[in-house]
Amino acid sequence: MAAFDTTRVQFETAGFAGRIGHAFAALAGAVTDWNDKRVTRVALSALSNRELEDIGLSRADIENIG
C-alpha cells in the first residue's frame, strides 16, 4: 500500500524562477481585481437613481468603489 506524507511544509521555488512566478501571480491578481471593480462599476451605473438610493449609494459613489 502506498502512502503520501501530506504534513510536510512546502517550500516555494527559490531564486529567479520563484521571483518571476510571484511577479506573474501579483500581476494576474491585480488585473483580476481591476476587472472585478470595473464590472461592479458598470453594473451599478446601470441602476436607476432610486435603486442606488435603496442600497445607500449615489452616482458620485460609483467611481469611488474599490
N, C-alpha and C. Protein backbone atom coordinates (compact mmCIF):
# COMPACT_ATOMS: atom_id res chain seq x y z
N MET A 1 0.85 -1.17 0.00
CA MET A 1 0.00 0.00 0.00
C MET A 1 0.90 1.24 0.00
N ALA A 2 0.58 2.20 -0.84
CA ALA A 2 1.36 3.43 -0.93
C ALA A 2 0.70 4.51 -0.09
N ALA A 3 1.54 5.35 0.50
CA ALA A 3 1.03 6.46 1.30
C ALA A 3 1.84 7.71 0.97
N PHE A 4 1.19 8.83 1.02
CA PHE A 4 1.84 10.10 0.77
C PHE A 4 1.87 10.90 2.06
N ASP A 5 3.01 11.49 2.36
CA ASP A 5 3.14 12.33 3.54
C ASP A 5 2.68 13.73 3.17
N THR A 6 1.54 14.14 3.70
CA THR A 6 0.99 15.45 3.36
C THR A 6 1.20 16.46 4.48
N THR A 7 2.01 16.11 5.48
CA THR A 7 2.21 17.03 6.60
C THR A 7 3.47 17.87 6.44
N ARG A 8 4.24 17.62 5.41
CA ARG A 8 5.47 18.40 5.20
C ARG A 8 5.14 19.81 4.72
N VAL A 9 5.98 20.74 5.12
CA VAL A 9 5.83 22.12 4.68
C VAL A 9 6.36 22.23 3.26
N GLN A 10 5.59 22.85 2.40
CA GLN A 10 6.01 23.05 1.02
C GLN A 10 6.82 24.34 0.93
N PHE A 11 8.02 24.27 0.41
CA PHE A 11 8.83 25.46 0.23
C PHE A 11 8.64 26.00 -1.17
N GLU A 12 8.67 27.29 -1.28
CA GLU A 12 8.49 27.93 -2.58
C GLU A 12 9.73 27.73 -3.43
N THR A 13 9.55 27.88 -4.73
CA THR A 13 10.67 27.80 -5.64
C THR A 13 11.62 28.95 -5.34
N ALA A 14 12.87 28.62 -5.16
CA ALA A 14 13.84 29.64 -4.80
C ALA A 14 14.46 30.24 -6.06
N GLY A 15 14.99 31.42 -5.91
CA GLY A 15 15.75 32.02 -6.99
C GLY A 15 14.91 32.81 -7.96
N PHE A 16 15.51 32.99 -9.13
CA PHE A 16 14.93 33.83 -10.16
C PHE A 16 13.56 33.33 -10.62
N ALA A 17 13.43 32.02 -10.83
CA ALA A 17 12.15 31.46 -11.29
C ALA A 17 11.04 31.72 -10.28
N GLY A 18 11.37 31.65 -9.00
CA GLY A 18 10.37 31.92 -7.97
C GLY A 18 9.92 33.37 -7.97
N ARG A 19 10.87 34.27 -8.19
CA ARG A 19 10.53 35.70 -8.24
C ARG A 19 9.66 36.01 -9.45
N ILE A 20 9.96 35.38 -10.58
CA ILE A 20 9.13 35.57 -11.78
C ILE A 20 7.72 35.05 -11.53
N GLY A 21 7.62 33.89 -10.88
CA GLY A 21 6.31 33.34 -10.55
C GLY A 21 5.51 34.24 -9.65
N HIS A 22 6.17 34.80 -8.64
CA HIS A 22 5.49 35.74 -7.73
C HIS A 22 5.04 36.99 -8.47
N ALA A 23 5.90 37.50 -9.34
CA ALA A 23 5.56 38.72 -10.10
C ALA A 23 4.37 38.45 -11.01
N PHE A 24 4.37 37.30 -11.67
CA PHE A 24 3.25 36.96 -12.55
C PHE A 24 1.96 36.79 -11.76
N ALA A 25 2.04 36.13 -10.61
CA ALA A 25 0.85 35.95 -9.76
C ALA A 25 0.32 37.29 -9.26
N ALA A 26 1.23 38.20 -8.89
CA ALA A 26 0.81 39.52 -8.43
C ALA A 26 0.15 40.30 -9.56
N LEU A 27 0.72 40.21 -10.76
CA LEU A 27 0.14 40.90 -11.92
C LEU A 27 -1.24 40.33 -12.24
N ALA A 28 -1.36 39.02 -12.26
CA ALA A 28 -2.65 38.39 -12.54
C ALA A 28 -3.68 38.79 -11.48
N GLY A 29 -3.28 38.85 -10.23
CA GLY A 29 -4.18 39.28 -9.16
C GLY A 29 -4.63 40.72 -9.32
N ALA A 30 -3.69 41.58 -9.71
CA ALA A 30 -4.02 42.99 -9.91
C ALA A 30 -4.99 43.17 -11.07
N VAL A 31 -4.79 42.43 -12.15
CA VAL A 31 -5.69 42.52 -13.31
C VAL A 31 -7.08 42.00 -12.94
N THR A 32 -7.12 40.90 -12.21
CA THR A 32 -8.41 40.35 -11.78
C THR A 32 -9.15 41.32 -10.86
N ASP A 33 -8.43 41.93 -9.94
CA ASP A 33 -9.03 42.91 -9.02
C ASP A 33 -9.57 44.11 -9.80
N TRP A 34 -8.77 44.63 -10.74
CA TRP A 34 -9.20 45.76 -11.55
C TRP A 34 -10.48 45.41 -12.34
N ASN A 35 -10.50 44.21 -12.93
CA ASN A 35 -11.65 43.82 -13.73
C ASN A 35 -12.90 43.66 -12.86
N ASP A 36 -12.76 43.09 -11.69
CA ASP A 36 -13.91 42.94 -10.78
C ASP A 36 -14.49 44.31 -10.42
N LYS A 37 -13.63 45.27 -10.13
CA LYS A 37 -14.11 46.62 -9.81
C LYS A 37 -14.77 47.27 -11.02
N ARG A 38 -14.21 47.05 -12.21
CA ARG A 38 -14.79 47.60 -13.43
C ARG A 38 -16.19 47.04 -13.66
N VAL A 39 -16.35 45.73 -13.52
CA VAL A 39 -17.65 45.09 -13.72
C VAL A 39 -18.66 45.61 -12.69
N THR A 40 -18.22 45.80 -11.46
CA THR A 40 -19.11 46.33 -10.42
C THR A 40 -19.56 47.74 -10.75
N ARG A 41 -18.62 48.59 -11.20
CA ARG A 41 -18.98 49.97 -11.57
C ARG A 41 -19.96 49.99 -12.74
N VAL A 42 -19.77 49.12 -13.72
CA VAL A 42 -20.69 49.05 -14.88
C VAL A 42 -22.08 48.63 -14.41
N ALA A 43 -22.13 47.61 -13.54
CA ALA A 43 -23.43 47.14 -13.05
C ALA A 43 -24.13 48.21 -12.23
N LEU A 44 -23.40 48.92 -11.39
CA LEU A 44 -24.01 49.98 -10.58
C LEU A 44 -24.45 51.15 -11.46
N SER A 45 -23.70 51.44 -12.50
CA SER A 45 -24.08 52.54 -13.40
C SER A 45 -25.39 52.25 -14.13
N ALA A 46 -25.70 50.97 -14.30
CA ALA A 46 -26.92 50.59 -15.00
C ALA A 46 -28.16 50.75 -14.11
N LEU A 47 -27.97 50.91 -12.81
CA LEU A 47 -29.11 51.06 -11.90
C LEU A 47 -29.67 52.48 -11.97
N SER A 48 -30.94 52.59 -11.65
CA SER A 48 -31.57 53.92 -11.59
C SER A 48 -31.16 54.61 -10.29
N ASN A 49 -31.40 55.91 -10.22
CA ASN A 49 -31.09 56.66 -9.01
C ASN A 49 -31.86 56.11 -7.81
N ARG A 50 -33.09 55.70 -8.05
CA ARG A 50 -33.92 55.13 -6.97
C ARG A 50 -33.31 53.83 -6.45
N GLU A 51 -32.86 52.97 -7.37
CA GLU A 51 -32.25 51.70 -6.96
C GLU A 51 -30.94 51.94 -6.21
N LEU A 52 -30.17 52.92 -6.66
CA LEU A 52 -28.93 53.25 -5.95
C LEU A 52 -29.24 53.76 -4.55
N GLU A 53 -30.27 54.59 -4.44
CA GLU A 53 -30.66 55.12 -3.14
C GLU A 53 -31.08 53.99 -2.20
N ASP A 54 -31.76 52.97 -2.75
CA ASP A 54 -32.20 51.84 -1.94
C ASP A 54 -31.02 51.09 -1.31
N ILE A 55 -29.88 51.06 -1.99
CA ILE A 55 -28.72 50.36 -1.42
C ILE A 55 -27.73 51.32 -0.76
N GLY A 56 -28.15 52.58 -0.62
CA GLY A 56 -27.35 53.55 0.11
C GLY A 56 -26.22 54.18 -0.67
N LEU A 57 -26.35 54.25 -1.98
CA LEU A 57 -25.32 54.85 -2.83
C LEU A 57 -25.90 55.97 -3.67
N SER A 58 -25.01 56.80 -4.18
CA SER A 58 -25.40 57.83 -5.14
C SER A 58 -24.50 57.66 -6.37
N ARG A 59 -24.80 58.38 -7.43
CA ARG A 59 -23.98 58.29 -8.65
C ARG A 59 -22.53 58.66 -8.36
N ALA A 60 -22.33 59.63 -7.47
CA ALA A 60 -20.97 60.06 -7.15
C ALA A 60 -20.17 58.97 -6.44
N ASP A 61 -20.86 58.06 -5.75
CA ASP A 61 -20.18 56.98 -5.02
C ASP A 61 -19.63 55.90 -5.94
N ILE A 62 -20.18 55.79 -7.13
CA ILE A 62 -19.82 54.68 -8.02
C ILE A 62 -18.33 54.70 -8.37
N GLU A 63 -17.80 55.86 -8.68
CA GLU A 63 -16.38 55.94 -9.08
C GLU A 63 -15.43 55.68 -7.92
N ASN A 64 -15.93 55.78 -6.69
CA ASN A 64 -15.08 55.54 -5.52
C ASN A 64 -15.12 54.10 -5.04
N ILE A 65 -15.83 53.25 -5.76
CA ILE A 65 -15.91 51.83 -5.40
C ILE A 65 -14.54 51.22 -5.57
N GLY A 66 -14.09 50.52 -4.55
CA GLY A 66 -12.81 49.82 -4.65
C GLY A 66 -11.83 50.39 -3.78
